Amino acid sequence: VLDRLQGREPTSDLVRQRLQDWRDHHGKCGGWVSLMADWIRHALSDLRMAGNDRALRASSVRRYLHAFGGWILELAGDLDPSNLDEMTFMDRLEVLELVSIEDSSNIRRMALQEFLDFSACFGMTQIDLDDWWPATTSDGAPDANLITPREFKRVMAQLDRHFAHIPFTFNLRRARAISILAFRAGLRWGELCFVSVGDIRVLGRGAWRGVTLRVVRSKTANGIRELPLHQLLPPDELNEVLAYLG
C-alpha cells in the first residue's frame, strides 16, 4: 500500500482508499495483519494518540512500518494479539537484542510503542517499552550494571520455576530475598556478599515500622550507608524479606 507510485509519495487519501480496497477483498483476515491495517488508518487520522494527536503523513507511516512492520509480523505473526502473554511476546521479539541495533533516531522504538499503545485498545496487553530500553547507554549498547523492572520480574519468575519441585525451600526464600535487596536497594553483588541478618534492623510495628539495612562493606567509604528498606521496598516484598529473616 505504501510503496512509491511512479516515483511519487503516496497521499493519505490514496492510502485510505487502498486500505478500503484491501478490506473489501480480505475482510476475513484477522490477527496482526488486520490490526496493522487498522493502525495505519488510525495513524493517518486526527485522532492519532501520539505526536500531539497530529496525523502522520503517508511517508511517515511508511517509515514507521519499515522500522517494525515486517519484523513484528515475521516474529509474532502467528500469535493472537488479543490473548497474549506479555513475556511470551517480548521474548519472541527479542527486544533486548534489538536495542543494540537501534538506529540513532530511535524511530523503531517510537513506532513500535505507538503501535503497541494502539493494540492495547483492542485487547492486547499494555506494554511499556520504557521498562526494556533503560538498560542501555546513550549509544544503544546494553549496560550490564543496570536491570529493568521487567527483567527483575523475569529473575523472580525464573527462581520460582527453578525451585518449583521443592516449594518454600530455604534456598528459594534466600535467593528471592537477595534479589529483592539487590534490585530495590541498589546493592552491588560485592556488598551483598557481606550482608548478614544482623545488618537488618526492625523498629516499631504496623504503620510505625521502620526497617533499615546497614551496608558495612563496600568499595569506597561513601558506600558505607544505612538504607530505609521500608521506603525502598513495596509492602509485599518488604514482608517477604522480613519473613525470610524470621
Protein backbone atom coordinates (compact mmCIF):
# COMPACT_ATOMS: atom_id res chain seq x y z
CA VAL A 1 0.00 0.00 0.00
CA LEU A 2 2.75 2.43 0.94
CA ASP A 3 5.14 1.78 -1.94
CA ARG A 4 6.08 4.70 -4.15
CA LEU A 5 3.77 5.27 -7.10
CA GLN A 6 5.66 6.25 -10.23
CA GLY A 7 8.35 7.92 -8.15
CA ARG A 8 5.90 10.00 -6.09
CA GLU A 9 4.99 9.72 -2.42
CA PRO A 10 1.52 8.23 -1.85
CA THR A 11 -1.06 10.61 -0.41
CA SER A 12 -3.06 9.89 2.74
CA ASP A 13 -6.28 9.72 0.74
CA LEU A 14 -4.75 7.19 -1.62
CA VAL A 15 -3.56 5.03 1.28
CA ARG A 16 -7.03 5.11 2.84
CA GLN A 17 -8.56 4.04 -0.47
CA ARG A 18 -6.07 1.20 -0.83
CA LEU A 19 -6.85 0.05 2.71
CA GLN A 20 -10.56 0.04 1.95
CA ASP A 21 -9.95 -1.98 -1.22
CA TRP A 22 -7.87 -4.42 0.83
CA ARG A 23 -10.66 -4.82 3.37
CA ASP A 24 -13.21 -5.42 0.62
CA HIS A 25 -11.13 -8.35 -0.64
CA HIS A 26 -9.62 -9.64 2.61
CA GLY A 27 -12.23 -8.73 5.19
CA LYS A 28 -11.92 -12.09 6.94
CA CYS A 29 -8.26 -11.60 7.79
CA GLY A 30 -7.54 -11.13 11.48
CA GLY A 31 -4.68 -11.07 13.93
CA TRP A 32 -1.67 -8.84 13.45
CA VAL A 33 -2.33 -8.12 9.76
CA SER A 34 -5.79 -6.72 10.41
CA LEU A 35 -4.56 -4.83 13.48
CA MET A 36 -1.77 -3.23 11.49
CA ALA A 37 -4.22 -2.17 8.80
CA ASP A 38 -6.39 -0.53 11.46
CA TRP A 39 -3.35 1.20 12.92
CA ILE A 40 -2.38 2.66 9.52
CA ARG A 41 -5.82 4.21 9.16
CA HIS A 42 -5.64 5.47 12.74
CA ALA A 43 -2.16 6.97 12.28
CA LEU A 44 -3.41 8.95 9.28
CA SER A 45 -6.28 10.48 11.26
CA ASP A 46 -6.50 13.45 13.60
CA LEU A 47 -7.47 11.02 16.36
CA ARG A 48 -3.93 9.65 16.47
CA MET A 49 -2.98 9.01 20.10
CA ALA A 50 0.64 10.14 19.78
CA GLY A 51 2.57 13.15 18.49
CA ASN A 52 0.15 15.70 19.99
CA ASP A 53 -2.69 13.98 18.13
CA ARG A 54 -1.37 15.13 14.79
CA ALA A 55 -1.98 12.84 11.85
CA LEU A 56 1.08 11.30 10.22
CA ARG A 57 1.87 11.81 6.57
CA ALA A 58 1.72 8.72 4.42
CA SER A 59 5.50 8.85 4.01
CA SER A 60 5.94 8.90 7.81
CA VAL A 61 3.64 5.92 8.22
CA ARG A 62 5.78 4.09 5.71
CA ARG A 63 8.93 4.91 7.72
CA TYR A 64 7.24 3.57 10.86
CA LEU A 65 6.20 0.38 9.11
CA HIS A 66 9.66 -0.13 7.68
CA ALA A 67 11.01 0.20 11.23
CA PHE A 68 8.87 -2.53 12.79
CA GLY A 69 6.13 -3.81 10.47
CA GLY A 70 7.81 -6.69 8.68
CA TRP A 71 9.83 -7.57 11.77
CA ILE A 72 6.82 -7.93 14.07
CA LEU A 73 4.84 -9.94 11.51
CA GLU A 74 7.73 -12.31 10.98
CA LEU A 75 8.41 -12.93 14.67
CA ALA A 76 4.92 -12.71 16.17
CA GLY A 77 2.51 -13.08 13.27
CA ASP A 78 1.28 -16.47 14.50
CA LEU A 79 0.34 -15.15 17.95
CA ASP A 80 -3.12 -13.89 18.88
CA PRO A 81 -2.73 -10.21 19.86
CA SER A 82 -5.98 -10.26 21.86
CA ASN A 83 -4.86 -13.16 24.05
CA LEU A 84 -1.16 -12.74 24.51
CA ASP A 85 1.13 -13.23 27.48
CA GLU A 86 3.47 -10.26 27.74
CA MET A 87 6.58 -12.29 28.49
CA THR A 88 5.95 -14.62 25.54
CA PHE A 89 5.55 -11.63 23.26
CA MET A 90 8.68 -9.81 24.45
CA ASP A 91 10.79 -12.97 24.42
CA ARG A 92 9.64 -13.74 20.88
CA LEU A 93 10.55 -10.28 19.65
CA GLU A 94 13.97 -10.39 21.35
CA VAL A 95 13.55 -6.72 22.28
CA LEU A 96 16.71 -6.57 24.36
CA GLU A 97 18.75 -7.73 21.39
CA LEU A 98 17.03 -5.13 19.25
CA VAL A 99 18.42 -2.38 21.46
CA SER A 100 21.97 -2.94 20.22
CA ILE A 101 20.97 -2.30 16.61
CA GLU A 102 18.58 0.56 17.33
CA ASP A 103 19.12 3.47 15.00
CA SER A 104 20.16 6.86 16.32
CA SER A 105 16.81 8.46 15.57
CA ASN A 106 15.03 5.98 17.86
CA ILE A 107 12.39 5.56 15.15
CA ARG A 108 11.86 1.85 15.77
CA ARG A 109 11.16 2.31 19.44
CA MET A 110 8.75 5.21 18.91
CA ALA A 111 6.91 3.44 16.12
CA LEU A 112 6.62 0.15 17.98
CA GLN A 113 5.44 1.85 21.18
CA GLU A 114 2.73 3.75 19.32
CA PHE A 115 1.55 0.55 17.66
CA LEU A 116 1.51 -1.31 21.00
CA ASP A 117 -0.49 1.50 22.62
CA PHE A 118 -2.99 1.30 19.80
CA SER A 119 -3.14 -2.50 20.06
CA ALA A 120 -3.94 -2.26 23.78
CA CYS A 121 -7.22 -0.57 22.83
CA PHE A 122 -8.25 -3.83 21.14
CA GLY A 123 -7.47 -6.27 23.92
CA MET A 124 -3.71 -6.70 23.74
CA THR A 125 -1.72 -6.48 26.96
CA GLN A 126 -0.42 -2.96 27.62
CA ILE A 127 3.36 -2.97 27.14
CA ASP A 128 5.59 -0.04 28.06
CA LEU A 129 8.95 -0.25 26.32
CA ASP A 130 10.45 2.14 28.86
CA ASP A 131 10.88 -0.92 31.06
CA TRP A 132 13.04 -2.56 28.40
CA TRP A 133 15.21 0.19 26.96
CA PRO A 134 16.62 1.99 30.04
CA ALA A 135 19.28 -0.69 30.47
CA THR A 136 21.37 0.81 27.70
CA THR A 137 23.93 3.53 27.33
CA SER A 138 23.43 6.51 25.03
CA ASP A 139 24.92 4.63 22.09
CA GLY A 140 22.32 1.86 22.42
CA ALA A 141 24.71 -0.77 23.80
CA PRO A 142 23.40 -2.76 26.80
CA ASP A 143 24.69 -1.64 30.20
CA ALA A 144 25.35 -4.67 32.41
CA ASN A 145 25.24 -2.51 35.55
CA LEU A 146 21.51 -1.82 35.19
CA ILE A 147 18.46 -4.03 35.42
CA THR A 148 14.95 -3.01 34.36
CA PRO A 149 11.76 -3.70 36.35
CA ARG A 150 10.72 -6.18 33.69
CA GLU A 151 14.00 -8.06 33.97
CA PHE A 152 13.62 -8.16 37.75
CA LYS A 153 10.23 -9.84 37.36
CA ARG A 154 11.77 -12.34 34.98
CA VAL A 155 14.51 -13.15 37.51
CA MET A 156 11.96 -13.76 40.26
CA ALA A 157 9.80 -15.91 37.98
CA GLN A 158 12.84 -17.94 36.94
CA LEU A 159 13.74 -18.53 40.59
CA ASP A 160 10.22 -19.82 41.28
CA ARG A 161 10.41 -22.17 38.30
CA HIS A 162 13.86 -23.42 39.31
CA PHE A 163 12.66 -24.39 42.78
CA ALA A 164 9.15 -25.45 41.74
CA HIS A 165 9.80 -29.11 42.67
CA ILE A 166 10.63 -28.12 46.26
CA PRO A 167 8.41 -25.14 47.12
CA PHE A 168 9.06 -22.98 50.19
CA THR A 169 12.63 -24.21 50.36
CA PHE A 170 15.17 -22.12 52.29
CA ASN A 171 17.31 -21.66 49.17
CA LEU A 172 14.37 -20.15 47.25
CA ARG A 173 13.49 -17.80 50.10
CA ARG A 174 17.12 -16.74 50.37
CA ALA A 175 17.57 -16.21 46.63
CA ARG A 176 14.39 -14.15 46.39
CA ALA A 177 15.37 -12.01 49.39
CA ILE A 178 18.83 -11.36 47.92
CA SER A 179 17.34 -10.46 44.54
CA ILE A 180 14.86 -8.05 46.14
CA LEU A 181 17.62 -6.29 48.08
CA ALA A 182 19.87 -6.14 45.03
CA PHE A 183 17.20 -4.55 42.86
CA ARG A 184 15.25 -2.35 45.26
CA ALA A 185 18.13 -1.17 47.45
CA GLY A 186 20.73 -0.87 44.70
CA LEU A 187 23.31 -3.08 46.40
CA ARG A 188 26.32 -4.27 44.42
CA TRP A 189 26.95 -8.00 44.37
CA GLY A 190 30.14 -7.43 46.32
CA GLU A 191 28.13 -5.65 49.01
CA LEU A 192 25.51 -8.38 49.10
CA CYS A 193 28.21 -10.95 49.85
CA PHE A 194 28.82 -9.30 53.23
CA VAL A 195 25.21 -8.63 54.24
CA SER A 196 24.18 -10.60 57.33
CA VAL A 197 20.83 -10.99 59.06
CA GLY A 198 22.08 -8.76 61.88
CA ASP A 199 22.61 -5.86 59.46
CA ILE A 200 18.83 -5.51 59.03
CA ARG A 201 17.09 -3.80 61.95
CA VAL A 202 13.33 -3.71 62.51
CA LEU A 203 11.96 -0.97 64.77
CA GLY A 204 8.32 -0.40 65.67
CA ARG A 205 5.34 -2.20 64.18
CA GLY A 206 2.45 -1.67 61.80
CA ALA A 207 2.32 1.79 60.26
CA TRP A 208 5.18 2.85 62.55
CA ARG A 209 7.51 0.05 61.49
CA GLY A 210 10.93 1.05 60.23
CA VAL A 211 13.29 -1.41 58.60
CA THR A 212 16.89 -0.40 57.88
CA LEU A 213 19.80 -2.20 56.26
CA ARG A 214 23.34 -1.18 57.18
CA VAL A 215 25.93 -1.76 54.45
CA VAL A 216 29.19 -2.35 56.31
CA ARG A 217 31.50 -3.45 53.47
CA SER A 218 31.85 -1.55 50.20
CA LYS A 219 34.41 -0.46 47.65
CA THR A 220 34.51 3.12 48.91
CA ALA A 221 33.92 4.97 52.16
CA ASN A 222 30.80 6.51 50.65
CA GLY A 223 29.46 3.00 50.16
CA ILE A 224 29.10 2.55 53.92
CA ARG A 225 25.49 3.58 54.42
CA GLU A 226 22.15 2.78 56.03
CA LEU A 227 19.18 2.16 53.75
CA PRO A 228 15.48 2.59 54.73
CA LEU A 229 14.02 -0.62 53.37
CA HIS A 230 10.51 0.36 54.49
CA GLN A 231 10.71 3.21 51.96
CA LEU A 232 12.56 1.40 49.17
CA LEU A 233 10.61 -1.88 49.04
CA PRO A 234 6.94 -2.38 48.13
CA PRO A 235 4.97 -3.74 51.14
CA ASP A 236 4.69 -7.29 49.79
CA GLU A 237 8.43 -7.54 49.06
CA LEU A 238 9.32 -5.98 52.41
CA ASN A 239 7.15 -8.58 54.16
CA GLU A 240 8.84 -11.33 52.14
CA VAL A 241 12.31 -10.19 53.24
CA LEU A 242 11.15 -9.96 56.87
CA ALA A 243 9.58 -13.41 56.67
CA TYR A 244 12.92 -14.76 55.46
CA LEU A 245 14.67 -13.10 58.39
CA GLY A 246 12.19 -14.59 60.81
